Amino acid sequence: MKAEQLKGHLDALLLAALESGPRHGYAVMEALRESTGGQVDLPTGTIYPALHRLEAAGLIAGSWSVVGGRRRRCYVLTEAGRKALSGRRADWRDFAAIISAALEGPPWPSTA
């Protein structure tokens, strides 16, 4: 799936990837890839700017660590991020129900 297809949903996906605990950027990418059966495999040029945006918004917090002699940034969901994720999940359910009704419902106008 391409980044353009995820517009408006990427932030929620990233928040969900951090819900189970702290992860560094590459681990966030792996979590997305694994949780979607490989359907969402986005480049670092898409993921890292979004993580920085979420951090600036206070939805995630980042800290530096050194692992194997390499510095990496580890991200964790904040309380505001948990609330935002909950709201985005509710919004997604509503959106999906509306689109499903339009695409899978009877033709309009009803012929009955």
C-alpha atoms as a PDB file:
ATOM      1  CA  MET A   1       0.000   0.000   0.000  1.00  0.00           C
ATOM      2  CA  LYS A   2       1.368   3.399  -0.955  1.00  0.00           C
ATOM      3  CA  ALA A   3       1.768   6.352   1.387  1.00  0.00           C
ATOM      4  CA  GLU A   4      -0.698   8.416  -0.676  1.00  0.00           C
ATOM      5  CA  GLN A   5      -3.429   5.865   0.076  1.00  0.00           C
ATOM      6  CA  LEU A   6      -2.858   6.275   3.793  1.00  0.00           C
ATOM      7  CA  LYS A   7      -3.265  10.044   3.941  1.00  0.00           C
ATOM      8  CA  GLY A   8      -5.334  10.913   6.957  1.00  0.00           C
ATOM      9  CA  HIS A   9      -4.712   7.506   8.554  1.00  0.00           C
ATOM     10  CA  LEU A  10      -0.939   7.334   8.979  1.00  0.00           C
ATOM     11  CA  ASP A  11      -0.892   9.107  12.333  1.00  0.00           C
ATOM     12  CA  ALA A  12      -3.466   6.696  13.780  1.00  0.00           C
ATOM     13  CA  LEU A  13      -1.474   3.724  12.468  1.00  0.00           C
ATOM     14  CA  LEU A  14       1.702   5.042  14.090  1.00  0.00           C
ATOM     15  CA  LEU A  15      -0.052   5.683  17.387  1.00  0.00           C
ATOM     16  CA  ALA A  16      -1.442   2.135  17.297  1.00  0.00           C
ATOM     17  CA  ALA A  17       2.040   0.748  16.607  1.00  0.00           C
ATOM     18  CA  LEU A  18       3.237   2.421  19.819  1.00  0.00           C
ATOM     19  CA  GLU A  19       0.283   1.359  21.943  1.00  0.00           C
ATOM     20  CA  SER A  20       1.973  -1.797  23.249  1.00  0.00           C
ATOM     21  CA  GLY A  21       5.068   0.050  24.423  1.00  0.00           C
ATOM     22  CA  PRO A  22       8.156   2.022  23.394  1.00  0.00           C
ATOM     23  CA  ARG A  23       9.726   1.387  19.992  1.00  0.00           C
ATOM     24  CA  HIS A  24      12.458   2.980  17.939  1.00  0.00           C
ATOM     25  CA  GLY A  25      11.565   4.221  14.463  1.00  0.00           C
ATOM     26  CA  TYR A  26      12.561   1.102  12.570  1.00  0.00           C
ATOM     27  CA  ALA A  27      10.613  -1.075  15.042  1.00  0.00           C
ATOM     28  CA  VAL A  28       7.540   1.096  14.398  1.00  0.00           C
ATOM     29  CA  MET A  29       7.948   0.388  10.667  1.00  0.00           C
ATOM     30  CA  GLU A  30       8.280  -3.338  11.395  1.00  0.00           C
ATOM     31  CA  ALA A  31       5.192  -3.310  13.630  1.00  0.00           C
ATOM     32  CA  LEU A  32       3.146  -1.716  10.846  1.00  0.00           C
ATOM     33  CA  ARG A  33       4.449  -4.196   8.326  1.00  0.00           C
ATOM     34  CA  GLU A  34       3.731  -7.186  10.583  1.00  0.00           C
ATOM     35  CA  SER A  35       0.307  -6.032  11.775  1.00  0.00           C
ATOM     36  CA  THR A  36      -0.856  -5.553   8.177  1.00  0.00           C
ATOM     37  CA  GLY A  37       0.566  -8.759   6.767  1.00  0.00           C
ATOM     38  CA  GLY A  38       3.109  -6.773   4.778  1.00  0.00           C
ATOM     39  CA  GLN A  39       0.489  -4.563   3.111  1.00  0.00           C
ATOM     40  CA  VAL A  40       1.770  -1.405   4.796  1.00  0.00           C
ATOM     41  CA  ASP A  41       5.496  -1.169   4.142  1.00  0.00           C
ATOM     42  CA  LEU A  42       6.388   2.498   4.178  1.00  0.00           C
ATOM     43  CA  PRO A  43       9.794   4.084   3.658  1.00  0.00           C
ATOM     44  CA  THR A  44      11.693   5.893   6.388  1.00  0.00           C
ATOM     45  CA  GLY A  45      11.055   9.150   4.500  1.00  0.00           C
ATOM     46  CA  THR A  46       7.370   8.746   5.319  1.00  0.00           C
ATOM     47  CA  ILE A  47       7.609   7.326   8.840  1.00  0.00           C
ATOM     48  CA  TYR A  48      10.189   9.602  10.475  1.00  0.00           C
ATOM     49  CA  PRO A  49       8.613  12.954   9.524  1.00  0.00           C
ATOM     50  CA  ALA A  50       5.282  11.639  10.825  1.00  0.00           C
ATOM     51  CA  LEU A  51       6.891  10.527  14.098  1.00  0.00           C
ATOM     52  CA  HIS A  52       8.476  13.977  14.466  1.00  0.00           C
ATOM     53  CA  ARG A  53       5.093  15.620  13.804  1.00  0.00           C
ATOM     54  CA  LEU A  54       3.402  13.416  16.432  1.00  0.00           C
ATOM     55  CA  GLU A  55       6.161  14.229  18.905  1.00  0.00           C
ATOM     56  CA  ALA A  56       5.801  17.975  18.277  1.00  0.00           C
ATOM     57  CA  ALA A  57       2.053  17.608  18.856  1.00  0.00           C
ATOM     58  CA  GLY A  58       2.680  15.932  22.226  1.00  0.00           C
ATOM     59  CA  LEU A  59       1.072  12.639  21.188  1.00  0.00           C
ATOM     60  CA  ILE A  60       4.320  10.703  21.539  1.00  0.00           C
ATOM     61  CA  ALA A  61       7.524  11.368  23.451  1.00  0.00           C
ATOM     62  CA  GLY A  62      10.970  10.512  22.171  1.00  0.00           C
ATOM     63  CA  SER A  63      14.269   9.896  23.901  1.00  0.00           C
ATOM     64  CA  TRP A  64      17.720   8.968  22.656  1.00  0.00           C
ATOM     65  CA  SER A  65      19.444   5.743  23.564  1.00  0.00           C
ATOM     66  CA  VAL A  66      22.601   3.957  22.452  1.00  0.00           C
ATOM     67  CA  VAL A  67      22.270   0.353  21.348  1.00  0.00           C
ATOM     68  CA  GLY A  68      25.223  -1.535  19.927  1.00  0.00           C
ATOM     69  CA  GLY A  69      27.173   1.698  19.713  1.00  0.00           C
ATOM     70  CA  ARG A  70      24.486   3.386  17.597  1.00  0.00           C
ATOM     71  CA  ARG A  71      22.230   6.214  18.700  1.00  0.00           C
ATOM     72  CA  ARG A  72      18.548   5.746  18.067  1.00  0.00           C
ATOM     73  CA  ARG A  73      15.397   7.531  19.067  1.00  0.00           C
ATOM     74  CA  CYS A  74      12.817   5.572  21.018  1.00  0.00           C
ATOM     75  CA  TYR A  75       9.199   6.711  21.015  1.00  0.00           C
ATOM     76  CA  VAL A  76       6.434   6.131  23.535  1.00  0.00           C
ATOM     77  CA  LEU A  77       2.747   7.011  23.464  1.00  0.00           C
ATOM     78  CA  THR A  78       1.782   9.853  25.831  1.00  0.00           C
ATOM     79  CA  GLU A  79      -1.543  10.079  27.646  1.00  0.00           C
ATOM     80  CA  ALA A  80      -2.653  12.620  25.030  1.00  0.00           C
ATOM     81  CA  GLY A  81      -1.601  10.113  22.374  1.00  0.00           C
ATOM     82  CA  ARG A  82      -3.713   7.381  23.985  1.00  0.00           C
ATOM     83  CA  LYS A  83      -6.738   9.661  23.988  1.00  0.00           C
ATOM     84  CA  ALA A  84      -6.087  10.673  20.379  1.00  0.00           C
ATOM     85  CA  LEU A  85      -5.784   7.018  19.345  1.00  0.00           C
ATOM     86  CA  SER A  86      -9.071   6.188  21.039  1.00  0.00           C
ATOM     87  CA  GLY A  87     -10.788   9.052  19.214  1.00  0.00           C
ATOM     88  CA  ARG A  88      -9.248   8.118  15.873  1.00  0.00           C
ATOM     89  CA  ARG A  89     -10.375   4.519  16.285  1.00  0.00           C
ATOM     90  CA  ALA A  90     -13.932   5.706  16.898  1.00  0.00           C
ATOM     91  CA  ASP A  91     -13.716   8.036  13.890  1.00  0.00           C
ATOM     92  CA  TRP A  92     -12.397   5.158  11.750  1.00  0.00           C
ATOM     93  CA  ARG A  93     -15.256   2.862  12.774  1.00  0.00           C
ATOM     94  CA  ASP A  94     -17.796   5.547  11.870  1.00  0.00           C
ATOM     95  CA  PHE A  95     -16.060   6.307   8.563  1.00  0.00           C
ATOM     96  CA  ALA A  96     -15.762   2.629   7.618  1.00  0.00           C
ATOM     97  CA  ALA A  97     -19.440   2.026   8.398  1.00  0.00           C
ATOM     98  CA  ILE A  98     -20.513   4.992   6.267  1.00  0.00           C
ATOM     99  CA  ILE A  99     -18.349   3.999   3.299  1.00  0.00           C
ATOM    100  CA  SER A 100     -19.405   0.345   3.573  1.00  0.00           C
ATOM    101  CA  ALA A 101     -23.059   1.371   3.590  1.00  0.00           C
ATOM    102  CA  ALA A 102     -22.553   3.469   0.463  1.00  0.00           C
ATOM    103  CA  LEU A 103     -20.505   0.893  -1.432  1.00  0.00           C
ATOM    104  CA  GLU A 104     -22.298  -2.270  -0.354  1.00  0.00           C
ATOM    105  CA  GLY A 105     -25.843  -1.050   0.192  1.00  0.00           C
ATOM    106  CA  PRO A 106     -28.730  -1.201  -2.253  1.00  0.00           C
ATOM    107  CA  PRO A 107     -28.612   1.084  -5.300  1.00  0.00           C
ATOM    108  CA  TRP A 108     -30.170   4.486  -5.016  1.00  0.00           C
ATOM    109  CA  PRO A 109     -32.885   5.398  -5.600  1.00  0.00           C
ATOM    110  CA  SER A 110     -34.491   2.330  -4.195  1.00  0.00           C
ATOM    111  CA  THR A 111     -36.482   0.404  -6.784  1.00  0.00           C
ATOM    112  CA  ALA A 112     -38.859  -0.987  -4.163  1.00  0.00           C
END
